[in-house]
């Protein structure tokens, strides 16, 4: 059971790092476009919020990975930490949906279509 939890935690950590780097790249792009960008403040705020949540989730994942699940004394605390990490990851997911929606530019084929 502990091996499974460790592998799951490691996989979550790697996905968190990948999303963190993608958000940093997106933030760089938004900053380069400047304040003239239509949703500049909103997207920058959402990316910052997402990055902060990712740091919190990463710290929680590290704490979870360092504890022994087989020790009964740790199980209740690990369950609570796991629930908090799951909530943080869900909020990151929702935040990144809004980032994607607000970050879309009308270029190419979609620029000619009027929705």
N, C-alpha and C. Protein backbone atom coordinates (compact mmCIF):
# COMPACT_ATOMS: atom_id res chain seq x y z
N UNK A 1 0.82 -1.20 0.00
CA UNK A 1 0.00 0.00 0.00
C UNK A 1 0.87 1.26 0.00
N UNK A 2 1.93 1.27 0.78
CA UNK A 2 2.79 2.44 0.86
C UNK A 2 3.51 2.69 -0.46
N UNK A 3 3.89 1.61 -1.17
CA UNK A 3 4.56 1.75 -2.47
C UNK A 3 3.62 2.41 -3.48
N UNK A 4 2.36 1.98 -3.48
CA UNK A 4 1.37 2.59 -4.38
C UNK A 4 1.21 4.07 -4.07
N UNK A 5 1.08 4.41 -2.80
CA UNK A 5 0.90 5.81 -2.40
C UNK A 5 2.11 6.64 -2.80
N UNK A 6 3.29 6.08 -2.64
CA UNK A 6 4.52 6.79 -3.01
C UNK A 6 4.57 7.05 -4.51
N UNK A 7 4.23 6.04 -5.32
CA UNK A 7 4.23 6.21 -6.78
C UNK A 7 3.17 7.23 -7.21
N UNK A 8 2.01 7.18 -6.59
CA UNK A 8 0.94 8.13 -6.89
C UNK A 8 1.38 9.55 -6.56
N UNK A 9 2.01 9.71 -5.42
CA UNK A 9 2.47 11.02 -4.99
C UNK A 9 3.56 11.54 -5.93
N UNK A 10 4.46 10.67 -6.36
CA UNK A 10 5.52 11.07 -7.29
C UNK A 10 4.93 11.50 -8.63
N UNK A 11 3.93 10.76 -9.11
CA UNK A 11 3.28 11.12 -10.38
C UNK A 11 2.58 12.46 -10.27
N UNK A 12 1.89 12.70 -9.15
CA UNK A 12 1.24 14.00 -8.94
C UNK A 12 2.27 15.12 -8.93
N UNK A 13 3.40 14.87 -8.30
CA UNK A 13 4.46 15.87 -8.24
C UNK A 13 5.00 16.22 -9.62
N UNK A 14 5.19 15.20 -10.46
CA UNK A 14 5.70 15.45 -11.81
C UNK A 14 4.69 16.22 -12.64
N UNK A 15 3.41 15.89 -12.51
CA UNK A 15 2.38 16.64 -13.24
C UNK A 15 2.30 18.07 -12.74
N UNK A 16 2.47 18.26 -11.45
CA UNK A 16 2.45 19.60 -10.87
C UNK A 16 3.60 20.43 -11.41
N UNK A 17 4.77 19.84 -11.54
CA UNK A 17 5.93 20.55 -12.08
C UNK A 17 5.70 20.93 -13.54
N UNK A 18 5.12 20.00 -14.33
CA UNK A 18 4.85 20.29 -15.74
C UNK A 18 3.86 21.44 -15.88
N UNK A 19 2.80 21.43 -15.08
CA UNK A 19 1.82 22.51 -15.14
C UNK A 19 2.42 23.82 -14.64
N UNK A 20 3.26 23.75 -13.63
CA UNK A 20 3.94 24.93 -13.10
C UNK A 20 4.77 25.60 -14.20
N UNK A 21 5.55 24.80 -14.93
CA UNK A 21 6.38 25.34 -16.01
C UNK A 21 5.52 25.90 -17.14
N UNK A 22 4.41 25.23 -17.45
CA UNK A 22 3.51 25.74 -18.50
C UNK A 22 2.92 27.09 -18.09
N UNK A 23 2.55 27.22 -16.81
CA UNK A 23 1.99 28.49 -16.34
C UNK A 23 3.03 29.60 -16.34
N UNK A 24 4.27 29.28 -16.01
CA UNK A 24 5.33 30.29 -16.06
C UNK A 24 5.53 30.76 -17.50
N UNK A 25 5.51 29.83 -18.44
CA UNK A 25 5.65 30.18 -19.86
C UNK A 25 4.48 31.06 -20.31
N UNK A 26 3.28 30.69 -19.88
CA UNK A 26 2.10 31.48 -20.24
C UNK A 26 2.19 32.88 -19.63
N UNK A 27 2.65 32.96 -18.39
CA UNK A 27 2.81 34.26 -17.73
C UNK A 27 3.82 35.12 -18.49
N UNK A 28 4.90 34.53 -18.93
CA UNK A 28 5.92 35.26 -19.69
C UNK A 28 5.32 35.81 -20.98
N UNK A 29 4.51 35.00 -21.65
CA UNK A 29 3.87 35.43 -22.89
C UNK A 29 2.92 36.60 -22.65
N UNK A 30 2.13 36.51 -21.58
CA UNK A 30 1.18 37.59 -21.26
C UNK A 30 1.93 38.87 -20.92
N UNK A 31 3.00 38.76 -20.15
CA UNK A 31 3.78 39.95 -19.78
C UNK A 31 4.42 40.57 -21.02
N UNK A 32 4.90 39.72 -21.95
CA UNK A 32 5.49 40.25 -23.19
C UNK A 32 4.46 40.96 -24.05
N UNK A 33 3.20 40.51 -24.01
CA UNK A 33 2.15 41.18 -24.79
C UNK A 33 1.82 42.54 -24.20
N UNK A 34 2.06 42.71 -22.92
CA UNK A 34 1.89 44.01 -22.29
C UNK A 34 0.48 44.29 -21.83
N UNK A 35 0.32 45.45 -21.24
CA UNK A 35 -0.96 45.85 -20.64
C UNK A 35 -2.03 46.11 -21.69
N UNK A 36 -1.66 46.20 -22.95
CA UNK A 36 -2.64 46.38 -24.02
C UNK A 36 -3.44 45.13 -24.29
N UNK A 37 -2.99 44.02 -23.78
CA UNK A 37 -3.70 42.75 -23.93
C UNK A 37 -5.05 42.85 -23.22
N UNK A 38 -6.11 42.39 -23.85
CA UNK A 38 -7.48 42.61 -23.39
C UNK A 38 -7.72 42.15 -21.94
N UNK A 39 -7.28 40.98 -21.59
CA UNK A 39 -7.51 40.43 -20.25
C UNK A 39 -6.22 40.36 -19.45
N UNK A 40 -5.34 41.30 -19.65
CA UNK A 40 -4.00 41.29 -19.05
C UNK A 40 -4.05 41.10 -17.54
N UNK A 41 -4.76 41.95 -16.82
CA UNK A 41 -4.80 41.88 -15.35
C UNK A 41 -5.47 40.61 -14.88
N UNK A 42 -6.56 40.21 -15.52
CA UNK A 42 -7.28 39.01 -15.10
C UNK A 42 -6.43 37.76 -15.29
N UNK A 43 -5.81 37.62 -16.46
CA UNK A 43 -5.00 36.43 -16.73
C UNK A 43 -3.77 36.41 -15.84
N UNK A 44 -3.14 37.55 -15.65
CA UNK A 44 -1.96 37.61 -14.78
C UNK A 44 -2.32 37.24 -13.34
N UNK A 45 -3.47 37.70 -12.87
CA UNK A 45 -3.93 37.37 -11.52
C UNK A 45 -4.24 35.88 -11.41
N UNK A 46 -4.94 35.34 -12.40
CA UNK A 46 -5.27 33.91 -12.37
C UNK A 46 -4.03 33.04 -12.43
N UNK A 47 -3.06 33.41 -13.26
CA UNK A 47 -1.82 32.63 -13.34
C UNK A 47 -1.08 32.71 -12.02
N UNK A 48 -1.03 33.87 -11.42
CA UNK A 48 -0.35 34.01 -10.12
C UNK A 48 -1.04 33.16 -9.05
N UNK A 49 -2.37 33.18 -9.04
CA UNK A 49 -3.13 32.36 -8.10
C UNK A 49 -2.86 30.88 -8.32
N UNK A 50 -2.84 30.47 -9.60
CA UNK A 50 -2.57 29.08 -9.94
C UNK A 50 -1.17 28.66 -9.49
N UNK A 51 -0.19 29.53 -9.73
CA UNK A 51 1.19 29.23 -9.32
C UNK A 51 1.30 29.09 -7.79
N UNK A 52 0.61 29.98 -7.07
CA UNK A 52 0.62 29.91 -5.60
C UNK A 52 -0.01 28.60 -5.13
N UNK A 53 -1.15 28.23 -5.73
CA UNK A 53 -1.79 26.97 -5.37
C UNK A 53 -0.91 25.77 -5.71
N UNK A 54 -0.19 25.86 -6.81
CA UNK A 54 0.71 24.77 -7.19
C UNK A 54 1.85 24.61 -6.19
N UNK A 55 2.34 25.71 -5.67
CA UNK A 55 3.38 25.64 -4.64
C UNK A 55 2.82 24.98 -3.38
N UNK A 56 1.61 25.39 -2.98
CA UNK A 56 0.97 24.77 -1.81
C UNK A 56 0.76 23.27 -2.04
N UNK A 57 0.24 22.92 -3.20
CA UNK A 57 0.02 21.49 -3.51
C UNK A 57 1.34 20.73 -3.53
N UNK A 58 2.38 21.34 -4.08
CA UNK A 58 3.69 20.69 -4.11
C UNK A 58 4.24 20.43 -2.71
N UNK A 59 4.09 21.41 -1.83
CA UNK A 59 4.55 21.24 -0.45
C UNK A 59 3.75 20.12 0.23
N UNK A 60 2.43 20.12 0.03
CA UNK A 60 1.60 19.06 0.60
C UNK A 60 2.01 17.69 0.07
N UNK A 61 2.29 17.60 -1.21
CA UNK A 61 2.70 16.33 -1.80
C UNK A 61 4.02 15.86 -1.21
N UNK A 62 4.95 16.78 -1.01
CA UNK A 62 6.25 16.42 -0.40
C UNK A 62 6.04 15.92 1.02
N UNK A 63 5.20 16.61 1.78
CA UNK A 63 4.93 16.18 3.16
C UNK A 63 4.29 14.79 3.17
N UNK A 64 3.32 14.57 2.28
CA UNK A 64 2.66 13.27 2.20
C UNK A 64 3.66 12.17 1.84
N UNK A 65 4.55 12.46 0.89
CA UNK A 65 5.52 11.46 0.44
C UNK A 65 6.52 11.09 1.52
N UNK A 66 6.81 12.00 2.42
CA UNK A 66 7.83 11.74 3.44
C UNK A 66 7.28 10.98 4.65
N UNK A 67 5.97 10.90 4.78
CA UNK A 67 5.35 10.19 5.92
C UNK A 67 5.11 8.74 5.56
N UNK A 68 5.13 7.89 6.57
CA UNK A 68 4.90 6.46 6.38
C UNK A 68 3.42 6.15 6.56
N UNK A 69 2.79 5.69 5.49
CA UNK A 69 1.37 5.36 5.51
C UNK A 69 1.08 4.14 6.37
N UNK A 70 2.07 3.26 6.52
CA UNK A 70 1.86 2.03 7.28
C UNK A 70 1.73 2.29 8.78
N UNK A 71 2.23 3.40 9.26
CA UNK A 71 2.08 3.73 10.68
C UNK A 71 0.67 4.25 10.91
N UNK A 72 -0.04 3.57 11.80
CA UNK A 72 -1.45 3.92 12.03
C UNK A 72 -1.61 5.34 12.56
N UNK A 73 -0.63 5.82 13.29
CA UNK A 73 -0.71 7.17 13.86
C UNK A 73 -0.70 8.24 12.76
N UNK A 74 -0.10 7.95 11.62
CA UNK A 74 0.00 8.91 10.52
C UNK A 74 -1.21 8.88 9.58
N UNK A 75 -1.99 7.82 9.61
CA UNK A 75 -3.01 7.61 8.59
C UNK A 75 -4.09 8.70 8.56
N UNK A 76 -4.55 9.12 9.71
CA UNK A 76 -5.59 10.15 9.75
C UNK A 76 -5.05 11.49 9.23
N UNK A 77 -3.84 11.83 9.65
CA UNK A 77 -3.23 13.09 9.19
C UNK A 77 -2.93 13.03 7.69
N UNK A 78 -2.45 11.89 7.21
CA UNK A 78 -2.16 11.74 5.79
C UNK A 78 -3.44 11.82 4.96
N UNK A 79 -4.53 11.26 5.47
CA UNK A 79 -5.80 11.34 4.77
C UNK A 79 -6.25 12.80 4.66
N UNK A 80 -6.11 13.54 5.74
CA UNK A 80 -6.47 14.96 5.74
C UNK A 80 -5.59 15.75 4.76
N UNK A 81 -4.28 15.50 4.80
CA UNK A 81 -3.36 16.19 3.89
C UNK A 81 -3.66 15.83 2.43
N UNK A 82 -4.00 14.56 2.20
CA UNK A 82 -4.33 14.13 0.85
C UNK A 82 -5.59 14.83 0.35
N UNK A 83 -6.58 14.98 1.22
CA UNK A 83 -7.81 15.70 0.84
C UNK A 83 -7.52 17.16 0.53
N UNK A 84 -6.63 17.78 1.31
CA UNK A 84 -6.27 19.18 1.06
C UNK A 84 -5.51 19.31 -0.26
N UNK A 85 -4.60 18.37 -0.53
CA UNK A 85 -3.86 18.40 -1.79
C UNK A 85 -4.80 18.21 -2.97
N UNK A 86 -5.77 17.31 -2.82
CA UNK A 86 -6.75 17.07 -3.88
C UNK A 86 -7.58 18.33 -4.13
N UNK A 87 -8.00 19.01 -3.08
CA UNK A 87 -8.75 20.26 -3.23
C UNK A 87 -7.90 21.32 -3.93
N UNK A 88 -6.64 21.44 -3.54
CA UNK A 88 -5.75 22.42 -4.18
C UNK A 88 -5.60 22.11 -5.67
N UNK A 89 -5.44 20.84 -6.01
CA UNK A 89 -5.28 20.44 -7.41
C UNK A 89 -6.56 20.71 -8.19
N UNK A 90 -7.72 20.47 -7.57
CA UNK A 90 -9.00 20.78 -8.23
C UNK A 90 -9.11 22.28 -8.49
N UNK A 91 -8.74 23.11 -7.52
CA UNK A 91 -8.78 24.56 -7.71
C UNK A 91 -7.81 25.01 -8.80
N UNK A 92 -6.65 24.36 -8.86
CA UNK A 92 -5.68 24.65 -9.92
C UNK A 92 -6.29 24.33 -11.28
N UNK A 93 -6.97 23.19 -11.36
CA UNK A 93 -7.63 22.76 -12.59
C UNK A 93 -8.66 23.80 -13.05
N UNK A 94 -9.53 24.21 -12.14
CA UNK A 94 -10.57 25.20 -12.47
C UNK A 94 -9.94 26.53 -12.87
N UNK A 95 -8.93 26.96 -12.13
CA UNK A 95 -8.24 28.21 -12.44
C UNK A 95 -7.62 28.16 -13.83
N UNK A 96 -7.01 27.04 -14.18
CA UNK A 96 -6.38 26.92 -15.50
C UNK A 96 -7.38 26.84 -16.63
N UNK A 97 -8.60 26.40 -16.36
CA UNK A 97 -9.65 26.47 -17.38
C UNK A 97 -9.94 27.94 -17.69
N UNK A 98 -10.09 28.76 -16.65
CA UNK A 98 -10.33 30.18 -16.86
C UNK A 98 -9.15 30.86 -17.56
N UNK A 99 -7.94 30.46 -17.20
CA UNK A 99 -6.75 31.02 -17.86
C UNK A 99 -6.78 30.70 -19.34
N UNK A 100 -7.13 29.46 -19.68
CA UNK A 100 -7.18 29.05 -21.08
C UNK A 100 -8.25 29.81 -21.85
N UNK A 101 -9.41 29.96 -21.24
CA UNK A 101 -10.51 30.67 -21.91
C UNK A 101 -10.16 32.13 -22.14
N UNK A 102 -9.63 32.80 -21.13
CA UNK A 102 -9.29 34.22 -21.26
C UNK A 102 -8.04 34.43 -22.09
N UNK A 103 -7.20 33.41 -22.19
CA UNK A 103 -5.94 33.56 -22.90
C UNK A 103 -6.03 33.30 -24.39
N UNK A 104 -7.22 32.91 -24.88
CA UNK A 104 -7.36 32.61 -26.31
C UNK A 104 -7.35 33.89 -27.12
N UNK A 105 -6.60 33.87 -28.18
CA UNK A 105 -6.55 34.99 -29.11
C UNK A 105 -7.31 34.61 -30.37
N UNK A 106 -7.95 35.57 -30.98
CA UNK A 106 -8.63 35.30 -32.24
C UNK A 106 -7.63 35.46 -33.37
N UNK A 107 -7.09 34.35 -33.81
CA UNK A 107 -6.12 34.36 -34.91
C UNK A 107 -6.51 33.28 -35.90
N UNK A 108 -5.96 33.36 -37.10
CA UNK A 108 -6.16 32.32 -38.09
C UNK A 108 -7.63 32.15 -38.46
N UNK A 109 -8.07 30.89 -38.56
CA UNK A 109 -9.42 30.56 -38.97
C UNK A 109 -10.46 31.12 -38.02
N UNK A 110 -10.20 31.05 -36.73
CA UNK A 110 -11.18 31.50 -35.75
C UNK A 110 -11.36 33.02 -35.77
N UNK A 111 -10.39 33.75 -36.26
CA UNK A 111 -10.52 35.20 -36.32
C UNK A 111 -11.58 35.60 -37.35
N UNK A 112 -11.75 34.79 -38.41
CA UNK A 112 -12.70 35.10 -39.45
C UNK A 112 -14.13 34.70 -39.06
N UNK A 113 -14.23 33.80 -38.09
CA UNK A 113 -15.55 33.32 -37.67
C UNK A 113 -16.08 34.25 -36.57
N UNK A 114 -17.33 34.57 -36.65
CA UNK A 114 -17.93 35.43 -35.63
C UNK A 114 -18.86 34.58 -34.79
N UNK A 115 -18.55 34.52 -33.51
CA UNK A 115 -19.35 33.67 -32.61
C UNK A 115 -20.43 34.45 -31.94
